[in-house]
Each structure stands twice: as structure tokens, then as C-alpha cells.
PDB file of N, CA and C in Angstrom:
ATOM      1  N   MET A   1      17.339 -47.978   9.410  1.00  0.00           N
ATOM      2  CA  MET A   1      17.038 -47.682   7.995  1.00  0.00           C
ATOM      3  C   MET A   1      17.995 -47.680   7.036  1.00  0.00           C
ATOM      4  N   THR A   2      18.157 -48.661   6.230  1.00  0.00           N
ATOM      5  CA  THR A   2      19.451 -48.590   5.390  1.00  0.00           C
ATOM      6  C   THR A   2      19.044 -48.094   4.195  1.00  0.00           C
ATOM      7  N   PRO A   3      20.086 -47.229   3.642  1.00  0.00           N
ATOM      8  CA  PRO A   3      19.762 -46.491   2.234  1.00  0.00           C
ATOM      9  C   PRO A   3      19.682 -47.425   1.006  1.00  0.00           C
ATOM     10  N   PRO A   4      18.790 -47.294   0.194  1.00  0.00           N
ATOM     11  CA  PRO A   4      18.757 -48.302  -1.119  1.00  0.00           C
ATOM     12  C   PRO A   4      20.199 -48.279  -1.785  1.00  0.00           C
ATOM     13  N   VAL A   5      20.619 -49.288  -2.350  1.00  0.00           N
ATOM     14  CA  VAL A   5      21.903 -49.575  -3.041  1.00  0.00           C
ATOM     15  C   VAL A   5      21.501 -49.459  -4.391  1.00  0.00           C
ATOM     16  N   SER A   6      22.225 -48.540  -5.255  1.00  0.00           N
ATOM     17  CA  SER A   6      22.235 -48.481  -6.706  1.00  0.00           C
ATOM     18  C   SER A   6      23.581 -48.446  -7.355  1.00  0.00           C
ATOM     19  N   GLY A   7      23.561 -48.903  -8.417  1.00  0.00           N
ATOM     20  CA  GLY A   7      24.969 -48.787  -9.017  1.00  0.00           C
ATOM     21  C   GLY A   7      25.289 -47.500  -9.667  1.00  0.00           C
ATOM     22  N   ALA A   8      24.319 -46.432  -9.716  1.00  0.00           N
ATOM     23  CA  ALA A   8      24.474 -45.095 -10.380  1.00  0.00           C
ATOM     24  C   ALA A   8      25.510 -44.423  -9.454  1.00  0.00           C
ATOM     25  N   GLY A   9      25.462 -44.385  -8.324  1.00  0.00           N
ATOM     26  CA  GLY A   9      26.259 -43.780  -7.382  1.00  0.00           C
ATOM     27  C   GLY A   9      25.515 -42.209  -6.803  1.00  0.00           C
ATOM     28  N   GLY A  10      25.165 -41.526  -7.959  1.00  0.00           N
ATOM     29  CA  GLY A  10      24.640 -40.284  -7.632  1.00  0.00           C
ATOM     30  C   GLY A  10      22.939 -40.163  -7.510  1.00  0.00           C
ATOM     31  N   GLY A  11      22.322 -41.324  -7.770  1.00  0.00           N
ATOM     32  CA  GLY A  11      20.850 -41.149  -7.791  1.00  0.00           C
ATOM     33  C   GLY A  11      20.432 -41.535  -6.406  1.00  0.00           C
ATOM     34  N   ASP A  12      21.108 -42.130  -5.609  1.00  0.00           N
ATOM     35  CA  ASP A  12      20.825 -42.195  -4.050  1.00  0.00           C
ATOM     36  C   ASP A  12      20.271 -40.999  -3.197  1.00  0.00           C
ATOM     37  N   LYS A  13      21.162 -39.829  -3.530  1.00  0.00           N
ATOM     38  CA  LYS A  13      20.727 -38.649  -2.806  1.00  0.00           C
ATOM     39  C   LYS A  13      19.385 -38.117  -3.486  1.00  0.00           C
ATOM     40  N   HIS A  14      19.064 -38.245  -4.522  1.00  0.00           N
ATOM     41  CA  HIS A  14      18.065 -37.715  -5.216  1.00  0.00           C
ATOM     42  C   HIS A  14      16.787 -38.568  -4.569  1.00  0.00           C
ATOM     43  N   ALA A  15      16.541 -39.839  -4.643  1.00  0.00           N
ATOM     44  CA  ALA A  15      15.807 -40.757  -4.021  1.00  0.00           C
ATOM     45  C   ALA A  15      15.394 -40.458  -2.830  1.00  0.00           C
ATOM     46  N   GLU A  16      16.706 -40.187  -1.953  1.00  0.00           N
ATOM     47  CA  GLU A  16      16.276 -40.064  -0.508  1.00  0.00           C
ATOM     48  C   GLU A  16      15.655 -38.706  -0.306  1.00  0.00           C
ATOM     49  N   LYS A  17      15.953 -37.455  -0.938  1.00  0.00           N
ATOM     50  CA  LYS A  17      15.133 -36.504  -0.956  1.00  0.00           C
ATOM     51  C   LYS A  17      13.656 -36.404  -1.375  1.00  0.00           C
ATOM     52  N   SER A  18      13.440 -37.392  -2.376  1.00  0.00           N
ATOM     53  CA  SER A  18      12.188 -37.450  -2.784  1.00  0.00           C
ATOM     54  C   SER A  18      11.122 -38.014  -1.648  1.00  0.00           C
ATOM     55  N   GLN A  19      11.952 -39.120  -0.982  1.00  0.00           N
ATOM     56  CA  GLN A  19      11.227 -39.817   0.122  1.00  0.00           C
ATOM     57  C   GLN A  19      11.026 -38.748   1.381  1.00  0.00           C
ATOM     58  N   GLU A  20      12.035 -38.139   1.566  1.00  0.00           N
ATOM     59  CA  GLU A  20      11.839 -37.243   2.589  1.00  0.00           C
ATOM     60  C   GLU A  20      10.759 -36.268   2.486  1.00  0.00           C
ATOM     61  N   ALA A  21      10.821 -35.800   1.293  1.00  0.00           N
ATOM     62  CA  ALA A  21       9.694 -34.688   0.955  1.00  0.00           C
ATOM     63  C   ALA A  21       8.347 -35.412   0.862  1.00  0.00           C
ATOM     64  N   ALA A  22       8.231 -36.438   0.675  1.00  0.00           N
ATOM     65  CA  ALA A  22       6.775 -37.144   0.737  1.00  0.00           C
ATOM     66  C   ALA A  22       6.561 -37.563   1.902  1.00  0.00           C
ATOM     67  N   ALA A  23       7.387 -37.750   2.763  1.00  0.00           N
ATOM     68  CA  ALA A  23       7.156 -37.890   4.217  1.00  0.00           C
ATOM     69  C   ALA A  23       6.790 -36.595   5.261  1.00  0.00           C
ATOM     70  N   VAL A  24       6.900 -35.648   4.684  1.00  0.00           N
ATOM     71  CA  VAL A  24       6.583 -34.366   5.195  1.00  0.00           C
ATOM     72  C   VAL A  24       5.124 -34.337   5.412  1.00  0.00           C
ATOM     73  N   VAL A  25       4.495 -34.105   6.626  1.00  0.00           N
ATOM     74  CA  VAL A  25       3.004 -33.995   6.606  1.00  0.00           C
ATOM     75  C   VAL A  25       2.686 -32.368   6.683  1.00  0.00           C
ATOM     76  N   HIS A  26       1.896 -31.963   5.700  1.00  0.00           N
ATOM     77  CA  HIS A  26       1.303 -30.711   5.699  1.00  0.00           C
ATOM     78  C   HIS A  26      -0.248 -30.801   6.451  1.00  0.00           C
ATOM     79  N   PRO A  27      -0.529 -29.746   7.011  1.00  0.00           N
ATOM     80  CA  PRO A  27      -1.889 -29.713   7.668  1.00  0.00           C
ATOM     81  C   PRO A  27      -3.044 -29.837   6.557  1.00  0.00           C
ATOM     82  N   SER A  28      -3.824 -30.541   6.578  1.00  0.00           N
ATOM     83  CA  SER A  28      -5.009 -30.760   5.469  1.00  0.00           C
ATOM     84  C   SER A  28      -5.885 -29.603   5.527  1.00  0.00           C
ATOM     85  N   ASP A  29      -5.609 -28.601   4.887  1.00  0.00           N
ATOM     86  CA  ASP A  29      -6.602 -27.483   4.609  1.00  0.00           C
ATOM     87  C   ASP A  29      -6.972 -27.402   2.957  1.00  0.00           C
ATOM     88  N   PRO A  30      -8.469 -27.360   3.174  1.00  0.00           N
ATOM     89  CA  PRO A  30      -8.801 -27.917   1.562  1.00  0.00           C
ATOM     90  C   PRO A  30      -8.666 -26.561   0.938  1.00  0.00           C
ATOM     91  N   ILE A  31      -8.409 -25.260   1.404  1.00  0.00           N
ATOM     92  CA  ILE A  31      -8.350 -24.250   0.618  1.00  0.00           C
ATOM     93  C   ILE A  31      -6.836 -24.046   0.226  1.00  0.00           C
ATOM     94  N   SER A  32      -6.105 -24.361   0.861  1.00  0.00           N
ATOM     95  CA  SER A  32      -4.592 -24.265   0.655  1.00  0.00           C
ATOM     96  C   SER A  32      -4.197 -25.523  -0.514  1.00  0.00           C
ATOM     97  N   GLN A  33      -5.021 -26.651  -0.307  1.00  0.00           N
ATOM     98  CA  GLN A  33      -4.505 -27.635  -1.102  1.00  0.00           C
ATOM     99  C   GLN A  33      -5.203 -27.488  -2.574  1.00  0.00           C
ATOM    100  N   SER A  34      -6.233 -26.599  -2.658  1.00  0.00           N
ATOM    101  CA  SER A  34      -6.977 -26.223  -4.019  1.00  0.00           C
ATOM    102  C   SER A  34      -6.162 -25.080  -4.503  1.00  0.00           C
ATOM    103  N   ILE A  35      -5.616 -24.111  -3.662  1.00  0.00           N
ATOM    104  CA  ILE A  35      -4.887 -22.858  -4.377  1.00  0.00           C
ATOM    105  C   ILE A  35      -3.569 -23.270  -4.759  1.00  0.00           C
ATOM    106  N   GLY A  36      -2.934 -23.982  -3.905  1.00  0.00           N
ATOM    107  CA  GLY A  36      -1.420 -24.318  -4.147  1.00  0.00           C
ATOM    108  C   GLY A  36      -0.623 -23.546  -3.313  1.00  0.00           C
ATOM    109  N   GLU A  37       0.686 -23.417  -3.514  1.00  0.00           N
ATOM    110  CA  GLU A  37       1.884 -23.062  -2.812  1.00  0.00           C
ATOM    111  C   GLU A  37       1.677 -21.387  -3.285  1.00  0.00           C
ATOM    112  N   PHE A  38       2.445 -20.577  -2.368  1.00  0.00           N
ATOM    113  CA  PHE A  38       2.909 -19.363  -2.941  1.00  0.00           C
ATOM    114  C   PHE A  38       4.242 -19.256  -3.748  1.00  0.00           C
ATOM    115  N   GLY A  39       3.779 -19.125  -4.906  1.00  0.00           N
ATOM    116  CA  GLY A  39       5.004 -19.309  -5.808  1.00  0.00           C
ATOM    117  C   GLY A  39       5.346 -18.079  -6.760  1.00  0.00           C
ATOM    118  N   ARG A  40       5.937 -18.131  -7.783  1.00  0.00           N
ATOM    119  CA  ARG A  40       6.295 -17.018  -8.680  1.00  0.00           C
ATOM    120  C   ARG A  40       5.100 -16.355  -9.298  1.00  0.00           C
ATOM    121  N   TRP A  41       4.139 -17.306  -9.679  1.00  0.00           N
ATOM    122  CA  TRP A  41       3.164 -16.487 -10.223  1.00  0.00           C
ATOM    123  C   TRP A  41       2.065 -15.800  -9.393  1.00  0.00           C
ATOM    124  N   GLN A  42       1.951 -16.197  -8.122  1.00  0.00           N
ATOM    125  CA  GLN A  42       1.361 -15.676  -7.136  1.00  0.00           C
ATOM    126  C   GLN A  42       1.922 -14.263  -6.546  1.00  0.00           C
ATOM    127  N   PHE A  43       3.259 -14.397  -6.628  1.00  0.00           N
ATOM    128  CA  PHE A  43       4.012 -13.089  -6.473  1.00  0.00           C
ATOM    129  C   PHE A  43       3.832 -12.172  -7.524  1.00  0.00           C
ATOM    130  N   LEU A  44       3.837 -12.605  -8.571  1.00  0.00           N
ATOM    131  CA  LEU A  44       3.700 -11.474  -9.881  1.00  0.00           C
ATOM    132  C   LEU A  44       2.160 -10.954  -9.883  1.00  0.00           C
ATOM    133  N   LEU A  45       1.132 -11.659  -9.445  1.00  0.00           N
ATOM    134  CA  LEU A  45      -0.128 -11.276  -9.389  1.00  0.00           C
ATOM    135  C   LEU A  45      -0.176 -10.250  -8.226  1.00  0.00           C
ATOM    136  N   THR A  46       0.273 -10.531  -7.143  1.00  0.00           N
ATOM    137  CA  THR A  46       0.318  -9.661  -5.842  1.00  0.00           C
ATOM    138  C   THR A  46       1.085  -8.348  -6.371  1.00  0.00           C
ATOM    139  N   PHE A  47       1.990  -8.507  -6.961  1.00  0.00           N
ATOM    140  CA  PHE A  47       2.910  -7.237  -7.120  1.00  0.00           C
ATOM    141  C   PHE A  47       2.228  -6.375  -8.232  1.00  0.00           C
ATOM    142  N   LEU A  48       1.572  -6.927  -9.206  1.00  0.00           N
ATOM    143  CA  LEU A  48       0.925  -6.183 -10.369  1.00  0.00           C
ATOM    144  C   LEU A  48      -0.226  -5.641  -9.650  1.00  0.00           C
ATOM    145  N   LEU A  49      -0.956  -6.054  -8.846  1.00  0.00           N
ATOM    146  CA  LEU A  49      -2.251  -5.756  -8.396  1.00  0.00           C
ATOM    147  C   LEU A  49      -1.931  -4.670  -7.294  1.00  0.00           C
ATOM    148  N   SER A  50      -0.730  -4.624  -6.751  1.00  0.00           N
ATOM    149  CA  SER A  50      -0.199  -3.748  -5.725  1.00  0.00           C
ATOM    150  C   SER A  50      -0.150  -2.453  -6.354  1.00  0.00           C
ATOM    151  N   LEU A  51       0.441  -2.579  -7.604  1.00  0.00           N
ATOM    152  CA  LEU A  51       0.931  -1.346  -8.499  1.00  0.00           C
ATOM    153  C   LEU A  51      -0.221  -0.668  -9.006  1.00  0.00           C
ATOM    154  N   VAL A  52      -1.371  -1.397  -9.189  1.00  0.00           N
ATOM    155  CA  VAL A  52      -2.637  -0.841  -9.806  1.00  0.00           C
ATOM    156  C   VAL A  52      -3.298  -0.054  -8.711  1.00  0.00           C
ATOM    157  N   ASN A  53      -3.275  -0.612  -7.573  1.00  0.00           N
ATOM    158  CA  ASN A  53      -3.898  -0.230  -6.238  1.00  0.00           C
ATOM    159  C   ASN A  53      -3.412   0.932  -5.712  1.00  0.00           C
ATOM    160  N   PHE A  54      -2.045   1.289  -5.907  1.00  0.00           N
ATOM    161  CA  PHE A  54      -1.099   2.137  -5.311  1.00  0.00           C
ATOM    162  C   PHE A  54      -1.871   3.598  -5.435  1.00  0.00           C
ATOM    163  N   PRO A  55      -2.175   3.962  -6.723  1.00  0.00           N
ATOM    164  CA  PRO A  55      -2.663   5.334  -6.845  1.00  0.00           C
ATOM    165  C   PRO A  55      -4.118   5.706  -6.069  1.00  0.00           C
ATOM    166  N   CYS A  56      -4.916   4.668  -5.838  1.00  0.00           N
ATOM    167  CA  CYS A  56      -5.963   4.723  -5.432  1.00  0.00           C
ATOM    168  C   CYS A  56      -6.109   5.296  -3.818  1.00  0.00           C
ATOM    169  N   THR A  57      -4.663   4.994  -3.256  1.00  0.00           N
ATOM    170  CA  THR A  57      -4.547   5.336  -1.871  1.00  0.00           C
ATOM    171  C   THR A  57      -4.359   6.796  -1.619  1.00  0.00           C
ATOM    172  N   PHE A  58      -4.170   7.434  -2.650  1.00  0.00           N
ATOM    173  CA  PHE A  58      -3.763   8.851  -2.481  1.00  0.00           C
ATOM    174  C   PHE A  58      -5.055   9.850  -1.957  1.00  0.00           C
ATOM    175  N   HIS A  59      -5.996   9.165  -1.910  1.00  0.00           N
ATOM    176  CA  HIS A  59      -7.262   9.990  -1.559  1.00  0.00           C
ATOM    177  C   HIS A  59      -7.228   9.741   0.071  1.00  0.00           C
ATOM    178  N   ILE A  60      -6.376   8.839   0.698  1.00  0.00           N
ATOM    179  CA  ILE A  60      -6.344   8.711   1.944  1.00  0.00           C
ATOM    180  C   ILE A  60      -5.389   9.670   2.606  1.00  0.00           C
ATOM    181  N   PHE A  61      -4.240   9.946   1.670  1.00  0.00           N
ATOM    182  CA  PHE A  61      -3.447  11.078   2.162  1.00  0.00           C
ATOM    183  C   PHE A  61      -3.748  12.225   1.682  1.00  0.00           C
ATOM    184  N   ALA A  62      -4.750  12.562   0.930  1.00  0.00           N
ATOM    185  CA  ALA A  62      -5.137  14.138   0.531  1.00  0.00           C
ATOM    186  C   ALA A  62      -5.224  15.060   1.718  1.00  0.00           C
ATOM    187  N   PRO A  63      -6.081  14.336   2.631  1.00  0.00           N
ATOM    188  CA  PRO A  63      -6.223  15.868   3.904  1.00  0.00           C
ATOM    189  C   PRO A  63      -4.937  15.994   4.339  1.00  0.00           C
ATOM    190  N   THR A  64      -3.793  15.179   4.325  1.00  0.00           N
ATOM    191  CA  THR A  64      -2.582  15.696   5.070  1.00  0.00           C
ATOM    192  C   THR A  64      -2.041  16.986   4.326  1.00  0.00           C
ATOM    193  N   PHE A  65      -2.275  16.730   3.038  1.00  0.00           N
ATOM    194  CA  PHE A  65      -1.422  17.920   2.233  1.00  0.00           C
ATOM    195  C   PHE A  65      -2.430  18.985   1.951  1.00  0.00           C
ATOM    196  N   GLU A  66      -3.666  18.605   1.834  1.00  0.00           N
ATOM    197  CA  GLU A  66      -4.758  19.818   1.343  1.00  0.00           C
ATOM    198  C   GLU A  66      -4.974  20.594   2.623  1.00  0.00           C
ATOM    199  N   GLY A  67      -5.016  20.004   3.797  1.00  0.00           N
ATOM    200  CA  GLY A  67      -5.576  20.455   5.089  1.00  0.00           C
ATOM    201  C   GLY A  67      -4.318  21.459   5.875  1.00  0.00           C
ATOM    202  N   ALA A  68      -3.281  21.493   5.033  1.00  0.00           N
ATOM    203  CA  ALA A  68      -2.188  22.286   6.025  1.00  0.00           C
ATOM    204  C   ALA A  68      -2.711  23.617   6.072  1.00  0.00           C
ATOM    205  N   GLN A  69      -1.909  24.248   7.052  1.00  0.00           N
ATOM    206  CA  GLN A  69      -2.518  25.890   7.337  1.00  0.00           C
ATOM    207  C   GLN A  69      -1.448  26.640   6.402  1.00  0.00           C
ATOM    208  N   ARG A  70      -2.305  27.449   5.735  1.00  0.00           N
ATOM    209  CA  ARG A  70      -1.415  28.527   4.782  1.00  0.00           C
ATOM    210  C   ARG A  70      -1.856  29.566   4.881  1.00  0.00           C
ATOM    211  N   ASP A  71      -0.956  30.575   4.769  1.00  0.00           N
ATOM    212  CA  ASP A  71      -0.967  32.038   4.728  1.00  0.00           C
ATOM    213  C   ASP A  71      -1.361  32.518   3.268  1.00  0.00           C
ATOM    214  N   PHE A  72      -2.548  32.326   2.820  1.00  0.00           N
ATOM    215  CA  PHE A  72      -2.966  32.569   1.298  1.00  0.00           C
ATOM    216  C   PHE A  72      -4.040  33.442   1.202  1.00  0.00           C
ATOM    217  N   TRP A  73      -4.237  34.519   0.429  1.00  0.00           N
ATOM    218  CA  TRP A  73      -5.482  35.124   0.274  1.00  0.00           C
ATOM    219  C   TRP A  73      -5.348  35.848  -1.156  1.00  0.00           C
ATOM    220  N   CYS A  74      -6.534  35.924  -1.686  1.00  0.00           N
ATOM    221  CA  CYS A  74      -6.525  36.792  -3.005  1.00  0.00           C
ATOM    222  C   CYS A  74      -5.987  37.939  -3.199  1.00  0.00           C
ATOM    223  N   ALA A  75      -5.530  38.362  -4.172  1.00  0.00           N
ATOM    224  CA  ALA A  75      -4.993  39.959  -4.417  1.00  0.00           C
ATOM    225  C   ALA A  75      -6.312  40.708  -4.204  1.00  0.00           C
ATOM    226  N   ARG A  76      -6.215  41.851  -3.592  1.00  0.00           N
ATOM    227  CA  ARG A  76      -7.214  43.061  -3.260  1.00  0.00           C
ATOM    228  C   ARG A  76      -7.414  43.631  -4.878  1.00  0.00           C
ATOM    229  N   PRO A  77      -8.794  44.145  -5.334  1.00  0.00           N
ATOM    230  CA  PRO A  77      -8.906  44.802  -6.464  1.00  0.00           C
ATOM    231  C   PRO A  77      -8.474  46.218  -6.077  1.00  0.00           C
ATOM    232  N   ASP A  78      -8.142  46.774  -7.346  1.00  0.00           N
ATOM    233  CA  ASP A  78      -7.754  48.172  -7.418  1.00  0.00           C
ATOM    234  C   ASP A  78      -8.805  49.010  -6.688  1.00  0.00           C
ATOM    235  N   GLY A  79      -8.676  49.974  -6.135  1.00  0.00           N
ATOM    236  CA  GLY A  79      -9.582  50.964  -5.542  1.00  0.00           C
ATOM    237  C   GLY A  79     -10.254  50.664  -4.345  1.00  0.00           C
ATOM    238  N   LEU A  80      -9.953  49.437  -3.769  1.00  0.00           N
ATOM    239  CA  LEU A  80     -10.809  48.923  -2.703  1.00  0.00           C
ATOM    240  C   LEU A  80      -9.881  49.266  -1.429  1.00  0.00           C
ATOM    241  N   SER A  81     -10.514  50.053  -0.605  1.00  0.00           N
ATOM    242  CA  SER A  81      -9.924  50.628   0.683  1.00  0.00           C
ATOM    243  C   SER A  81     -10.396  49.695   1.837  1.00  0.00           C
ATOM    244  N   MET A  82     -10.083  48.700   1.997  1.00  0.00           N
ATOM    245  CA  MET A  82     -10.219  47.661   2.867  1.00  0.00           C
ATOM    246  C   MET A  82      -9.064  47.287   3.846  1.00  0.00           C
ATOM    247  N   PRO A  83      -8.777  47.324   4.970  1.00  0.00           N
ATOM    248  CA  PRO A  83      -7.748  46.738   5.647  1.00  0.00           C
ATOM    249  C   PRO A  83      -7.400  45.450   5.133  1.00  0.00           C
ATOM    250  N   VAL A  84      -5.914  44.963   5.130  1.00  0.00           N
ATOM    251  CA  VAL A  84      -5.379  43.722   4.764  1.00  0.00           C
ATOM    252  C   VAL A  84      -6.030  42.769   5.600  1.00  0.00           C
ATOM    253  N   ASP A  85      -6.191  42.650   7.018  1.00  0.00           N
ATOM    254  CA  ASP A  85      -6.797  41.777   7.756  1.00  0.00           C
ATOM    255  C   ASP A  85      -7.984  41.295   7.350  1.00  0.00           C
ATOM    256  N   GLN A  86      -8.778  42.440   7.373  1.00  0.00           N
ATOM    257  CA  GLN A  86     -10.467  42.342   6.954  1.00  0.00           C
ATOM    258  C   GLN A  86     -10.372  41.564   5.332  1.00  0.00           C
ATOM    259  N   TRP A  87      -9.665  42.035   4.478  1.00  0.00           N
ATOM    260  CA  TRP A  87      -9.510  41.233   3.129  1.00  0.00           C
ATOM    261  C   TRP A  87      -9.098  39.867   3.078  1.00  0.00           C
ATOM    262  N   LYS A  88      -8.017  39.373   3.994  1.00  0.00           N
ATOM    263  CA  LYS A  88      -7.946  38.174   4.156  1.00  0.00           C
ATOM    264  C   LYS A  88      -9.074  37.379   4.636  1.00  0.00           C
ATOM    265  N   ASN A  89      -9.778  37.868   5.657  1.00  0.00           N
ATOM    266  CA  ASN A  89     -11.024  37.185   6.088  1.00  0.00           C
ATOM    267  C   ASN A  89     -11.892  36.997   4.898  1.00  0.00           C
ATOM    268  N   VAL A  90     -12.110  38.078   4.194  1.00  0.00           N
ATOM    269  CA  VAL A  90     -13.182  38.072   3.221  1.00  0.00           C
ATOM    270  C   VAL A  90     -12.868  37.116   1.858  1.00  0.00           C
ATOM    271  N   SER A  91     -11.554  37.180   1.360  1.00  0.00           N
ATOM    272  CA  SER A  91     -11.047  36.578   0.265  1.00  0.00           C
ATOM    273  C   SER A  91     -10.894  35.107   0.292  1.00  0.00           C
ATOM    274  N   GLY A  92     -10.948  34.442   1.627  1.00  0.00           N
ATOM    275  CA  GLY A  92     -10.389  33.020   1.441  1.00  0.00           C
ATOM    276  C   GLY A  92     -10.093  32.357   2.880  1.00  0.00           C
ATOM    277  N   ILE A  93      -9.387  32.809   3.632  1.00  0.00           N
ATOM    278  CA  ILE A  93      -8.831  32.316   4.838  1.00  0.00           C
ATOM    279  C   ILE A  93      -9.611  32.951   5.886  1.00  0.00           C
ATOM    280  N   PHE A  94     -10.468  32.018   6.432  1.00  0.00           N
ATOM    281  CA  PHE A  94     -11.427  32.506   7.586  1.00  0.00           C
ATOM    282  C   PHE A  94     -11.059  32.230   9.050  1.00  0.00           C
ATOM    283  N   ASP A  95     -10.769  33.301   9.473  1.00  0.00           N
ATOM    284  CA  ASP A  95     -10.492  33.392  11.130  1.00  0.00           C
ATOM    285  C   ASP A  95     -11.762  33.573  11.917  1.00  0.00           C
ATOM    286  N   LEU A  96     -12.433  32.603  12.253  1.00  0.00           N
ATOM    287  CA  LEU A  96     -13.542  32.776  13.012  1.00  0.00           C
ATOM    288  C   LEU A  96     -13.582  33.693  14.179  1.00  0.00           C
ATOM    289  N   ASP A  97     -12.433  33.829  14.683  1.00  0.00           N
ATOM    290  CA  ASP A  97     -12.274  34.746  16.098  1.00  0.00           C
ATOM    291  C   ASP A  97     -12.175  36.006  15.930  1.00  0.00           C
ATOM    292  N   LYS A  98     -11.880  36.337  14.466  1.00  0.00           N
ATOM    293  CA  LYS A  98     -11.720  37.955  13.969  1.00  0.00           C
ATOM    294  C   LYS A  98     -12.705  38.224  13.237  1.00  0.00           C
ATOM    295  N   VAL A  99     -13.882  37.391  12.987  1.00  0.00           N
ATOM    296  CA  VAL A  99     -15.024  37.754  12.009  1.00  0.00           C
ATOM    297  C   VAL A  99     -15.779  38.930  12.781  1.00  0.00           C
ATOM    298  N   LYS A 100     -15.925  39.955  12.039  1.00  0.00           N
ATOM    299  CA  LYS A 100     -16.787  41.229  12.493  1.00  0.00           C
ATOM    300  C   LYS A 100     -18.099  41.199  11.392  1.00  0.00           C
ATOM    301  N   TYR A 101     -19.208  41.111  12.192  1.00  0.00           N
ATOM    302  CA  TYR A 101     -20.427  41.135  11.334  1.00  0.00           C
ATOM    303  C   TYR A 101     -21.055  42.584  11.395  1.00  0.00           C
ATOM    304  N   GLY A 102     -21.317  43.063  10.328  1.00  0.00           N
ATOM    305  CA  GLY A 102     -21.951  44.478  10.217  1.00  0.00           C
ATOM    306  C   GLY A 102     -21.276  45.598  10.625  1.00  0.00           C
TER     307      GLY A 102
END
């Protein structure tokens, strides 16, 4: 195949690239043809929607931080003569192995 001859000199390369681009065969997918290529607009929408959706994922990670083992109990009221281990069990941290009924 012989390249087209033109007097401008620089237009031949552009014409060849246009012909090569037109010759590339893309699979005929009707959905891809209707929505187009993934460009700057699609990237911007994907990025903005990701920013909006990011805070919604914290409920997935909440048990990781809220379910951690802690050694915490409420302060005993003044005048209560109860051992610390028993008060821990009554005031919030429940250790079912050490629960005493009655």
C-alpha cells in the first residue's frame, strides 16, 4: 500500500493515523456503544460517588473497634462494700465464668 501524496508535507501522518484508527475493529457490544468509552467524565463521577459512599462503609468496620476487649467498669458508689471483682461484673463487664447467683 502506498501512502497518499500531498503537497503539505505534515498532513500525511495525520491522515494515516485517522485511517488506522478507523480500521481498528472493536467488539460490537451494544451497551459499550451506547455509554461510550471510560473518559474524564466517567472518572469524575466514579471519584465523586466514591467520596460520598466512603462514610457509609464505617458501619462495616464498627465491630472491629467497638468489640475490642476492654478492662472498664463504672466507679463504685460511696459506702458500697462490695469486692472489686464482683463490682466489675455488676457494673458493665460481664464475665460469665465468674457470675455468682444468690
